Amino acid sequence: MAVDSDERRAAVVSAAAELIVEGGLNAVTFRNIAARLGYSTTVISHYFRDKTDVLRATYRHVVAEAVAHREQALAGQDASPARVLEEVLPVADTQRRIWTVWLCFWTAALFDEALLEEHRRGLAGTRERLRQHFLAEGEPEARAEQAAEDLAQAIFGIAMQALFDPAYWSPERQRAAYRRAAARIAG
């Protein structure tokens, strides 16, 4: 029976994401991934050059997973930019898992120029998508740019606080804080 390379790579990336949630980036080793999947480390090294290669693939996977989750949550809705972003708050297991992995990567990006550049592109892309939404709603260019930046910062700030203090930052509190911020931004 032939091995599906894409499926095998996806399994490695998924295992790496689980390991990050459980123990941070340092938990991602070929040995730990292999043990998680019941593979030999040789199988892992067949698909990935090194740990950095696994981590970058995992980062891209988690970003794609977050986008897919958001799109699924908003399917069929007429969603404003504020509503779109609200769906990424860490209010359930899937979102908390994604944010936990992101936070680990954000820290790593401070010391890895290639990851930092990828992260910058991702953040710029988020702001640009929001800016385009605001422009489509008729906002002037300067206002659209500022609103996009402010909304992104609101979501990042609330999400970080919720990860560090989930007892205080219940899903209801997160949504309420975000809606207040979005209302102020909408002015």
N, C-alpha and C. Protein backbone atom coordinates (compact mmCIF):
# COMPACT_ATOMS: atom_id res chain seq x y z
N MET A 1 0.85 -1.18 0.00
CA MET A 1 0.00 0.00 0.00
C MET A 1 0.89 1.25 0.00
N ALA A 2 0.63 2.16 -0.91
CA ALA A 2 1.43 3.38 -1.02
C ALA A 2 1.10 4.35 0.11
N VAL A 3 2.13 5.04 0.54
CA VAL A 3 1.96 6.04 1.60
C VAL A 3 1.63 7.37 0.94
N ASP A 4 0.61 8.04 1.43
CA ASP A 4 0.24 9.36 0.93
C ASP A 4 1.12 10.40 1.62
N SER A 5 2.02 11.01 0.85
CA SER A 5 2.97 11.97 1.42
C SER A 5 2.27 13.16 2.07
N ASP A 6 1.21 13.66 1.43
CA ASP A 6 0.50 14.81 1.99
C ASP A 6 -0.15 14.45 3.32
N GLU A 7 -0.74 13.26 3.39
CA GLU A 7 -1.36 12.82 4.65
C GLU A 7 -0.31 12.66 5.74
N ARG A 8 0.83 12.11 5.39
CA ARG A 8 1.89 11.90 6.37
C ARG A 8 2.42 13.25 6.87
N ARG A 9 2.64 14.19 5.96
CA ARG A 9 3.11 15.53 6.36
C ARG A 9 2.06 16.20 7.26
N ALA A 10 0.79 16.07 6.90
CA ALA A 10 -0.28 16.67 7.70
C ALA A 10 -0.32 16.05 9.09
N ALA A 11 -0.10 14.77 9.19
CA ALA A 11 -0.09 14.11 10.50
C ALA A 11 1.06 14.63 11.36
N VAL A 12 2.22 14.82 10.74
CA VAL A 12 3.38 15.35 11.48
C VAL A 12 3.09 16.76 11.97
N VAL A 13 2.53 17.59 11.11
CA VAL A 13 2.22 18.97 11.48
C VAL A 13 1.17 19.01 12.59
N SER A 14 0.16 18.19 12.49
CA SER A 14 -0.88 18.13 13.52
C SER A 14 -0.29 17.69 14.86
N ALA A 15 0.57 16.69 14.82
CA ALA A 15 1.23 16.23 16.06
C ALA A 15 2.10 17.34 16.64
N ALA A 16 2.79 18.07 15.78
CA ALA A 16 3.64 19.18 16.26
C ALA A 16 2.78 20.25 16.94
N ALA A 17 1.63 20.57 16.35
CA ALA A 17 0.73 21.56 16.96
C ALA A 17 0.26 21.09 18.34
N GLU A 18 -0.09 19.82 18.46
CA GLU A 18 -0.51 19.28 19.76
C GLU A 18 0.63 19.38 20.78
N LEU A 19 1.84 19.06 20.34
CA LEU A 19 2.99 19.14 21.24
C LEU A 19 3.24 20.57 21.70
N ILE A 20 3.06 21.54 20.80
CA ILE A 20 3.24 22.94 21.17
C ILE A 20 2.23 23.34 22.23
N VAL A 21 0.97 22.95 22.05
CA VAL A 21 -0.06 23.28 23.04
C VAL A 21 0.29 22.68 24.40
N GLU A 22 0.83 21.48 24.39
CA GLU A 22 1.15 20.78 25.64
C GLU A 22 2.43 21.26 26.30
N GLY A 23 3.43 21.69 25.51
CA GLY A 23 4.72 22.01 26.12
C GLY A 23 5.53 23.08 25.44
N GLY A 24 4.93 23.85 24.54
CA GLY A 24 5.66 24.90 23.86
C GLY A 24 6.51 24.37 22.71
N LEU A 25 7.25 25.27 22.09
CA LEU A 25 8.03 24.91 20.92
C LEU A 25 9.12 23.89 21.24
N ASN A 26 9.65 23.94 22.45
CA ASN A 26 10.71 22.99 22.81
C ASN A 26 10.21 21.55 22.86
N ALA A 27 8.92 21.36 22.98
CA ALA A 27 8.37 20.00 23.00
C ALA A 27 8.39 19.35 21.62
N VAL A 28 8.57 20.18 20.59
CA VAL A 28 8.58 19.66 19.22
C VAL A 28 9.98 19.15 18.89
N THR A 29 10.11 17.84 18.92
CA THR A 29 11.33 17.16 18.48
C THR A 29 10.92 16.03 17.57
N PHE A 30 11.83 15.60 16.72
CA PHE A 30 11.51 14.47 15.86
C PHE A 30 11.14 13.25 16.71
N ARG A 31 11.84 13.07 17.81
CA ARG A 31 11.56 11.93 18.69
C ARG A 31 10.14 12.01 19.25
N ASN A 32 9.75 13.19 19.75
CA ASN A 32 8.40 13.34 20.32
C ASN A 32 7.31 13.18 19.27
N ILE A 33 7.55 13.74 18.09
CA ILE A 33 6.56 13.59 17.01
C ILE A 33 6.43 12.12 16.62
N ALA A 34 7.57 11.47 16.46
CA ALA A 34 7.56 10.05 16.08
C ALA A 34 6.83 9.21 17.13
N ALA A 35 7.10 9.48 18.39
CA ALA A 35 6.43 8.73 19.47
C ALA A 35 4.93 8.98 19.44
N ARG A 36 4.53 10.21 19.22
CA ARG A 36 3.10 10.56 19.17
C ARG A 36 2.39 9.81 18.04
N LEU A 37 3.07 9.68 16.91
CA LEU A 37 2.44 9.09 15.73
C LEU A 37 2.72 7.60 15.56
N GLY A 38 3.62 7.07 16.37
CA GLY A 38 3.99 5.67 16.20
C GLY A 38 4.88 5.45 14.99
N TYR A 39 5.63 6.47 14.60
CA TYR A 39 6.56 6.39 13.48
C TYR A 39 7.98 6.31 14.03
N SER A 40 8.92 6.04 13.14
CA SER A 40 10.33 6.19 13.51
C SER A 40 10.74 7.62 13.18
N THR A 41 11.81 8.09 13.78
CA THR A 41 12.29 9.44 13.48
C THR A 41 12.72 9.55 12.02
N THR A 42 13.10 8.44 11.43
CA THR A 42 13.50 8.44 10.02
C THR A 42 12.32 8.85 9.13
N VAL A 43 11.14 8.43 9.50
CA VAL A 43 9.95 8.81 8.73
C VAL A 43 9.76 10.32 8.80
N ILE A 44 9.93 10.90 9.97
CA ILE A 44 9.78 12.36 10.12
C ILE A 44 10.82 13.08 9.27
N SER A 45 12.07 12.63 9.35
CA SER A 45 13.14 13.31 8.60
C SER A 45 13.01 13.10 7.09
N HIS A 46 12.25 12.13 6.67
CA HIS A 46 12.00 11.95 5.23
C HIS A 46 11.15 13.11 4.69
N TYR A 47 10.26 13.63 5.51
CA TYR A 47 9.33 14.67 5.06
C TYR A 47 9.75 16.08 5.47
N PHE A 48 10.60 16.20 6.48
CA PHE A 48 11.02 17.51 6.97
C PHE A 48 12.53 17.50 7.20
N ARG A 49 13.20 18.58 6.76
CA ARG A 49 14.66 18.68 6.90
C ARG A 49 15.09 18.70 8.35
N ASP A 50 14.38 19.53 9.13
CA ASP A 50 14.78 19.74 10.52
C ASP A 50 13.60 20.30 11.30
N LYS A 51 13.84 20.58 12.56
CA LYS A 51 12.78 21.10 13.43
C LYS A 51 12.22 22.41 12.90
N THR A 52 13.08 23.27 12.39
CA THR A 52 12.63 24.55 11.85
C THR A 52 11.63 24.33 10.72
N ASP A 53 11.91 23.37 9.87
CA ASP A 53 11.02 23.05 8.76
C ASP A 53 9.65 22.59 9.29
N VAL A 54 9.66 21.76 10.32
CA VAL A 54 8.41 21.30 10.95
C VAL A 54 7.66 22.49 11.55
N LEU A 55 8.38 23.35 12.26
CA LEU A 55 7.73 24.48 12.92
C LEU A 55 7.12 25.45 11.92
N ARG A 56 7.82 25.74 10.84
CA ARG A 56 7.26 26.65 9.84
C ARG A 56 6.01 26.05 9.19
N ALA A 57 6.05 24.77 8.91
CA ALA A 57 4.87 24.11 8.34
C ALA A 57 3.72 24.13 9.34
N THR A 58 4.03 23.97 10.61
CA THR A 58 3.00 23.99 11.65
C THR A 58 2.40 25.39 11.77
N TYR A 59 3.23 26.40 11.73
CA TYR A 59 2.75 27.79 11.79
C TYR A 59 1.76 28.04 10.65
N ARG A 60 2.15 27.68 9.44
CA ARG A 60 1.27 27.90 8.28
C ARG A 60 -0.03 27.10 8.42
N HIS A 61 0.08 25.90 8.94
CA HIS A 61 -1.11 25.06 9.13
C HIS A 61 -2.07 25.70 10.13
N VAL A 62 -1.55 26.21 11.22
CA VAL A 62 -2.41 26.80 12.25
C VAL A 62 -3.06 28.08 11.73
N VAL A 63 -2.33 28.86 10.96
CA VAL A 63 -2.92 30.05 10.35
C VAL A 63 -4.07 29.64 9.42
N ALA A 64 -3.83 28.65 8.58
CA ALA A 64 -4.89 28.18 7.67
C ALA A 64 -6.08 27.61 8.44
N GLU A 65 -5.79 26.92 9.53
CA GLU A 65 -6.86 26.36 10.37
C GLU A 65 -7.71 27.48 10.97
N ALA A 66 -7.07 28.54 11.42
CA ALA A 66 -7.80 29.67 12.00
C ALA A 66 -8.69 30.33 10.96
N VAL A 67 -8.17 30.52 9.77
CA VAL A 67 -8.97 31.13 8.70
C VAL A 67 -10.16 30.23 8.36
N ALA A 68 -9.92 28.94 8.24
CA ALA A 68 -11.01 28.00 7.92
C ALA A 68 -12.07 28.00 9.02
N HIS A 69 -11.63 28.03 10.28
CA HIS A 69 -12.57 28.05 11.40
C HIS A 69 -13.43 29.31 11.34
N ARG A 70 -12.78 30.43 11.11
CA ARG A 70 -13.51 31.70 11.03
C ARG A 70 -14.51 31.67 9.89
N GLU A 71 -14.08 31.21 8.73
CA GLU A 71 -14.97 31.17 7.56
C GLU A 71 -16.16 30.25 7.80
N GLN A 72 -15.92 29.12 8.43
CA GLN A 72 -17.01 28.18 8.73
C GLN A 72 -18.00 28.81 9.70
N ALA A 73 -17.48 29.50 10.71
CA ALA A 73 -18.35 30.12 11.70
C ALA A 73 -19.21 31.22 11.09
N LEU A 74 -18.70 31.86 10.06
CA LEU A 74 -19.41 32.99 9.48
C LEU A 74 -20.14 32.65 8.19
N ALA A 75 -20.12 31.41 7.78
CA ALA A 75 -20.74 31.02 6.52
C ALA A 75 -22.20 31.45 6.49
N GLY A 76 -22.55 32.12 5.41
CA GLY A 76 -23.94 32.52 5.23
C GLY A 76 -24.34 33.78 5.98
N GLN A 77 -23.42 34.36 6.71
CA GLN A 77 -23.74 35.58 7.44
C GLN A 77 -23.20 36.79 6.69
N ASP A 78 -23.88 37.90 6.84
CA ASP A 78 -23.38 39.17 6.32
C ASP A 78 -22.50 39.74 7.43
N ALA A 79 -21.22 39.47 7.35
CA ALA A 79 -20.33 39.75 8.48
C ALA A 79 -19.56 41.05 8.29
N SER A 80 -19.65 41.90 9.29
CA SER A 80 -18.84 43.11 9.33
C SER A 80 -17.42 42.72 9.72
N PRO A 81 -16.44 43.61 9.51
CA PRO A 81 -15.07 43.30 9.94
C PRO A 81 -15.00 42.99 11.43
N ALA A 82 -15.76 43.72 12.23
CA ALA A 82 -15.73 43.47 13.68
C ALA A 82 -16.27 42.08 13.99
N ARG A 83 -17.32 41.67 13.34
CA ARG A 83 -17.90 40.34 13.57
C ARG A 83 -16.94 39.24 13.12
N VAL A 84 -16.26 39.46 12.01
CA VAL A 84 -15.29 38.48 11.51
C VAL A 84 -14.20 38.25 12.55
N LEU A 85 -13.67 39.32 13.11
CA LEU A 85 -12.59 39.18 14.09
C LEU A 85 -13.08 38.57 15.39
N GLU A 86 -14.30 38.87 15.78
CA GLU A 86 -14.82 38.32 17.04
C GLU A 86 -14.76 36.79 17.03
N GLU A 87 -14.90 36.20 15.88
CA GLU A 87 -14.89 34.73 15.77
C GLU A 87 -13.54 34.11 16.06
N VAL A 88 -12.48 34.91 16.13
CA VAL A 88 -11.16 34.33 16.43
C VAL A 88 -10.79 34.45 17.90
N LEU A 89 -11.62 35.09 18.72
CA LEU A 89 -11.33 35.15 20.16
C LEU A 89 -11.18 33.74 20.72
N PRO A 90 -10.33 33.55 21.72
CA PRO A 90 -10.14 32.22 22.29
C PRO A 90 -11.25 31.83 23.27
N VAL A 91 -12.46 31.69 22.73
CA VAL A 91 -13.64 31.41 23.56
C VAL A 91 -14.01 29.93 23.62
N ALA A 92 -13.35 29.11 22.85
CA ALA A 92 -13.60 27.67 22.84
C ALA A 92 -12.27 26.94 22.62
N ASP A 93 -12.30 25.64 22.77
CA ASP A 93 -11.07 24.85 22.69
C ASP A 93 -10.29 25.08 21.39
N THR A 94 -10.98 25.08 20.27
CA THR A 94 -10.29 25.25 18.99
C THR A 94 -9.55 26.57 18.94
N GLN A 95 -10.23 27.66 19.29
CA GLN A 95 -9.58 28.96 19.24
C GLN A 95 -8.47 29.08 20.28
N ARG A 96 -8.68 28.54 21.49
CA ARG A 96 -7.63 28.59 22.52
C ARG A 96 -6.38 27.85 22.05
N ARG A 97 -6.59 26.71 21.42
CA ARG A 97 -5.47 25.93 20.90
C ARG A 97 -4.71 26.74 19.85
N ILE A 98 -5.43 27.36 18.93
CA ILE A 98 -4.80 28.16 17.89
C ILE A 98 -4.02 29.32 18.50
N TRP A 99 -4.63 30.04 19.43
CA TRP A 99 -3.94 31.18 20.05
C TRP A 99 -2.72 30.74 20.85
N THR A 100 -2.80 29.61 21.52
CA THR A 100 -1.65 29.11 22.27
C THR A 100 -0.48 28.84 21.34
N VAL A 101 -0.75 28.21 20.23
CA VAL A 101 0.31 27.94 19.25
C VAL A 101 0.83 29.26 18.69
N TRP A 102 -0.06 30.18 18.33
CA TRP A 102 0.39 31.48 17.82
C TRP A 102 1.29 32.19 18.81
N LEU A 103 0.88 32.21 20.07
CA LEU A 103 1.69 32.91 21.07
C LEU A 103 3.10 32.32 21.14
N CYS A 104 3.20 31.02 21.09
CA CYS A 104 4.53 30.39 21.09
C CYS A 104 5.34 30.83 19.87
N PHE A 105 4.70 30.90 18.72
CA PHE A 105 5.40 31.33 17.52
C PHE A 105 5.74 32.81 17.55
N TRP A 106 4.88 33.62 18.13
CA TRP A 106 5.19 35.05 18.21
C TRP A 106 6.47 35.27 19.00
N THR A 107 6.61 34.56 20.10
CA THR A 107 7.82 34.67 20.91
C THR A 107 9.03 34.20 20.11
N ALA A 108 8.91 33.09 19.44
CA ALA A 108 10.02 32.56 18.63
C ALA A 108 10.40 33.52 17.51
N ALA A 109 9.41 34.22 16.96
CA ALA A 109 9.68 35.13 15.85
C ALA A 109 10.61 36.28 16.25
N LEU A 110 10.65 36.60 17.53
CA LEU A 110 11.57 37.65 17.98
C LEU A 110 13.02 37.27 17.76
N PHE A 111 13.30 35.97 17.63
CA PHE A 111 14.67 35.49 17.52
C PHE A 111 14.94 34.74 16.22
N ASP A 112 13.99 34.75 15.31
CA ASP A 112 14.12 34.02 14.05
C ASP A 112 13.65 34.95 12.93
N GLU A 113 14.60 35.49 12.19
CA GLU A 113 14.29 36.51 11.18
C GLU A 113 13.29 36.02 10.13
N ALA A 114 13.43 34.79 9.67
CA ALA A 114 12.51 34.27 8.65
C ALA A 114 11.09 34.14 9.21
N LEU A 115 10.97 33.63 10.43
CA LEU A 115 9.66 33.51 11.06
C LEU A 115 9.08 34.89 11.35
N LEU A 116 9.94 35.82 11.76
CA LEU A 116 9.49 37.19 12.02
C LEU A 116 8.91 37.81 10.75
N GLU A 117 9.60 37.61 9.64
CA GLU A 117 9.11 38.17 8.38
C GLU A 117 7.78 37.53 7.98
N GLU A 118 7.65 36.24 8.17
CA GLU A 118 6.39 35.57 7.85
C GLU A 118 5.27 36.10 8.75
N HIS A 119 5.60 36.29 10.02
CA HIS A 119 4.61 36.81 10.96
C HIS A 119 4.20 38.23 10.58
N ARG A 120 5.18 39.06 10.23
CA ARG A 120 4.86 40.43 9.80
C ARG A 120 3.93 40.43 8.59
N ARG A 121 4.22 39.56 7.64
CA ARG A 121 3.35 39.48 6.45
C ARG A 121 1.93 39.07 6.84
N GLY A 122 1.83 38.12 7.77
CA GLY A 122 0.51 37.69 8.22
C GLY A 122 -0.27 38.80 8.90
N LEU A 123 0.41 39.54 9.78
CA LEU A 123 -0.26 40.65 10.46
C LEU A 123 -0.65 41.75 9.47
N ALA A 124 0.25 42.05 8.54
CA ALA A 124 -0.05 43.06 7.53
C ALA A 124 -1.23 42.60 6.66
N GLY A 125 -1.28 41.32 6.36
CA GLY A 125 -2.40 40.79 5.58
C GLY A 125 -3.72 40.91 6.32
N THR A 126 -3.69 40.66 7.62
CA THR A 126 -4.90 40.82 8.43
C THR A 126 -5.37 42.27 8.40
N ARG A 127 -4.44 43.18 8.64
CA ARG A 127 -4.81 44.61 8.62
C ARG A 127 -5.34 45.01 7.24
N GLU A 128 -4.71 44.51 6.19
CA GLU A 128 -5.13 44.87 4.84
C GLU A 128 -6.54 44.33 4.54
N ARG A 129 -6.83 43.09 4.94
CA ARG A 129 -8.18 42.55 4.71
C ARG A 129 -9.22 43.38 5.45
N LEU A 130 -8.90 43.77 6.68
CA LEU A 130 -9.83 44.62 7.44
C LEU A 130 -9.98 45.98 6.77
N ARG A 131 -8.86 46.55 6.34
CA ARG A 131 -8.91 47.86 5.67
C ARG A 131 -9.81 47.79 4.44
N GLN A 132 -9.68 46.71 3.67
CA GLN A 132 -10.52 46.55 2.48
C GLN A 132 -12.00 46.46 2.85
N HIS A 133 -12.31 45.78 3.94
CA HIS A 133 -13.71 45.72 4.41
C HIS A 133 -14.22 47.13 4.71
N PHE A 134 -13.42 47.91 5.43
CA PHE A 134 -13.86 49.26 5.79
C PHE A 134 -13.99 50.16 4.56
N LEU A 135 -13.07 50.02 3.63
CA LEU A 135 -13.18 50.80 2.39
C LEU A 135 -14.45 50.42 1.64
N ALA A 136 -14.76 49.13 1.60
CA ALA A 136 -15.98 48.67 0.92
C ALA A 136 -17.24 49.21 1.59
N GLU A 137 -17.14 49.49 2.90
CA GLU A 137 -18.27 50.08 3.62
C GLU A 137 -18.34 51.59 3.44
N GLY A 138 -17.41 52.15 2.67
CA GLY A 138 -17.44 53.57 2.38
C GLY A 138 -16.58 54.45 3.28
N GLU A 139 -15.76 53.84 4.11
CA GLU A 139 -14.89 54.64 4.98
C GLU A 139 -13.78 55.28 4.16
N PRO A 140 -13.38 56.51 4.50
CA PRO A 140 -12.23 57.12 3.83
C PRO A 140 -10.96 56.32 4.13
N GLU A 141 -9.97 56.44 3.27
CA GLU A 141 -8.73 55.66 3.38
C GLU A 141 -8.09 55.74 4.76
N ALA A 142 -7.87 56.94 5.26
CA ALA A 142 -7.19 57.09 6.56
C ALA A 142 -8.01 56.46 7.68
N ARG A 143 -9.30 56.65 7.65
CA ARG A 143 -10.19 56.07 8.68
C ARG A 143 -10.20 54.54 8.58
N ALA A 144 -10.23 54.02 7.36
CA ALA A 144 -10.23 52.56 7.16
C ALA A 144 -8.94 51.95 7.70
N GLU A 145 -7.82 52.60 7.44
CA GLU A 145 -6.54 52.08 7.92
C GLU A 145 -6.47 52.10 9.44
N GLN A 146 -6.91 53.20 10.05
CA GLN A 146 -6.87 53.30 11.51
C GLN A 146 -7.83 52.30 12.17
N ALA A 147 -9.01 52.17 11.61
CA ALA A 147 -9.99 51.23 12.18
C ALA A 147 -9.47 49.79 12.08
N ALA A 148 -8.84 49.45 10.97
CA ALA A 148 -8.28 48.10 10.81
C ALA A 148 -7.21 47.84 11.85
N GLU A 149 -6.33 48.80 12.04
CA GLU A 149 -5.27 48.65 13.04
C GLU A 149 -5.85 48.53 14.44
N ASP A 150 -6.81 49.38 14.77
CA ASP A 150 -7.41 49.36 16.11
C ASP A 150 -8.15 48.05 16.40
N LEU A 151 -8.89 47.55 15.42
CA LEU A 151 -9.60 46.28 15.61
C LEU A 151 -8.63 45.13 15.82
N ALA A 152 -7.57 45.10 15.02
CA ALA A 152 -6.58 44.03 15.17
C ALA A 152 -5.94 44.09 16.55
N GLN A 153 -5.60 45.29 17.01
CA GLN A 153 -4.97 45.41 18.32
C GLN A 153 -5.93 45.01 19.44
N ALA A 154 -7.19 45.34 19.30
CA ALA A 154 -8.18 44.95 20.31
C ALA A 154 -8.25 43.43 20.43
N ILE A 155 -8.32 42.75 19.31
CA ILE A 155 -8.45 41.30 19.35
C ILE A 155 -7.19 40.66 19.92
N PHE A 156 -6.02 41.16 19.52
CA PHE A 156 -4.77 40.58 20.02
C PHE A 156 -4.65 40.79 21.52
N GLY A 157 -4.98 41.97 21.99
CA GLY A 157 -4.88 42.26 23.42
C GLY A 157 -5.82 41.41 24.26
N ILE A 158 -7.05 41.33 23.84
CA ILE A 158 -8.02 40.52 24.59
C ILE A 158 -7.61 39.05 24.57
N ALA A 159 -7.20 38.57 23.43
CA ALA A 159 -6.80 37.16 23.32
C ALA A 159 -5.62 36.85 24.23
N MET A 160 -4.63 37.72 24.27
CA MET A 160 -3.47 37.48 25.13
C MET A 160 -3.89 37.42 26.60
N GLN A 161 -4.72 38.36 27.01
CA GLN A 161 -5.18 38.37 28.40
C GLN A 161 -5.98 37.10 28.71
N ALA A 162 -6.80 36.67 27.76
CA ALA A 162 -7.62 35.47 27.97
C ALA A 162 -6.76 34.22 28.10
N LEU A 163 -5.66 34.16 27.37
CA LEU A 163 -4.77 33.00 27.50
C LEU A 163 -4.11 32.96 28.86
N PHE A 164 -3.72 34.12 29.37
CA PHE A 164 -3.00 34.18 30.64
C PHE A 164 -3.91 34.10 31.85
N ASP A 165 -5.17 34.50 31.69
CA ASP A 165 -6.10 34.48 32.83
C ASP A 165 -7.49 34.03 32.38
N PRO A 166 -7.61 32.76 31.99
CA PRO A 166 -8.90 32.28 31.47
C PRO A 166 -10.03 32.30 32.49
N ALA A 167 -9.70 32.22 33.78
CA ALA A 167 -10.76 32.26 34.79
C ALA A 167 -11.45 33.63 34.78
N TYR A 168 -10.67 34.67 34.63
CA TYR A 168 -11.23 36.02 34.59
C TYR A 168 -11.85 36.31 33.22
N TRP A 169 -11.12 35.95 32.16
CA TRP A 169 -11.55 36.26 30.81
C TRP A 169 -12.42 35.14 30.24
N SER A 170 -13.61 35.02 30.80
CA SER A 170 -14.58 34.03 30.30
C SER A 170 -14.93 34.39 28.85
N PRO A 171 -15.52 33.45 28.11
CA PRO A 171 -15.96 33.78 26.76
C PRO A 171 -16.89 35.00 26.72
N GLU A 172 -17.78 35.10 27.70
CA GLU A 172 -18.70 36.23 27.74
C GLU A 172 -17.95 37.55 27.94
N ARG A 173 -16.98 37.55 28.85
CA ARG A 173 -16.20 38.76 29.12
C ARG A 173 -15.38 39.15 27.88
N GLN A 174 -14.80 38.16 27.22
CA GLN A 174 -14.02 38.44 26.01
C GLN A 174 -14.90 39.11 24.96
N ARG A 175 -16.06 38.51 24.71
CA ARG A 175 -16.95 39.06 23.68
C ARG A 175 -17.43 40.46 24.06
N ALA A 176 -17.78 40.65 25.32
CA ALA A 176 -18.26 41.97 25.76
C ALA A 176 -17.16 43.02 25.62
N ALA A 177 -15.95 42.70 26.04
CA ALA A 177 -14.84 43.65 25.93
C ALA A 177 -14.55 43.96 24.47
N TYR A 178 -14.58 42.95 23.65
CA TYR A 178 -14.31 43.17 22.23
C TYR A 178 -15.41 44.02 21.59
N ARG A 179 -16.65 43.75 21.93
CA ARG A 179 -17.76 44.53 21.35
C ARG A 179 -17.69 45.99 21.78
N ARG A 180 -17.29 46.22 23.04
CA ARG A 180 -17.11 47.62 23.48
C ARG A 180 -16.02 48.30 22.67
N ALA A 181 -14.90 47.61 22.50
CA ALA A 181 -13.80 48.18 21.73
C ALA A 181 -14.23 48.43 20.28
N ALA A 182 -14.92 47.47 19.69
CA ALA A 182 -15.37 47.62 18.30
C ALA A 182 -16.35 48.79 18.17
N ALA A 183 -17.21 48.96 19.16
CA ALA A 183 -18.17 50.08 19.12
C ALA A 183 -17.44 51.42 19.22
N ARG A 184 -16.41 51.49 20.07
CA ARG A 184 -15.63 52.73 20.17
C ARG A 184 -14.91 53.02 18.86
N ILE A 185 -14.37 51.98 18.25
CA ILE A 185 -13.66 52.14 16.99
C ILE A 185 -14.61 52.60 15.89
N ALA A 186 -15.81 52.03 15.88
CA ALA A 186 -16.80 52.41 14.87
C ALA A 186 -17.26 53.85 15.06
N GLY A 187 -17.12 54.32 16.33
CA GLY A 187 -17.40 55.70 16.69
C GLY A 187 -18.72 56.17 16.31
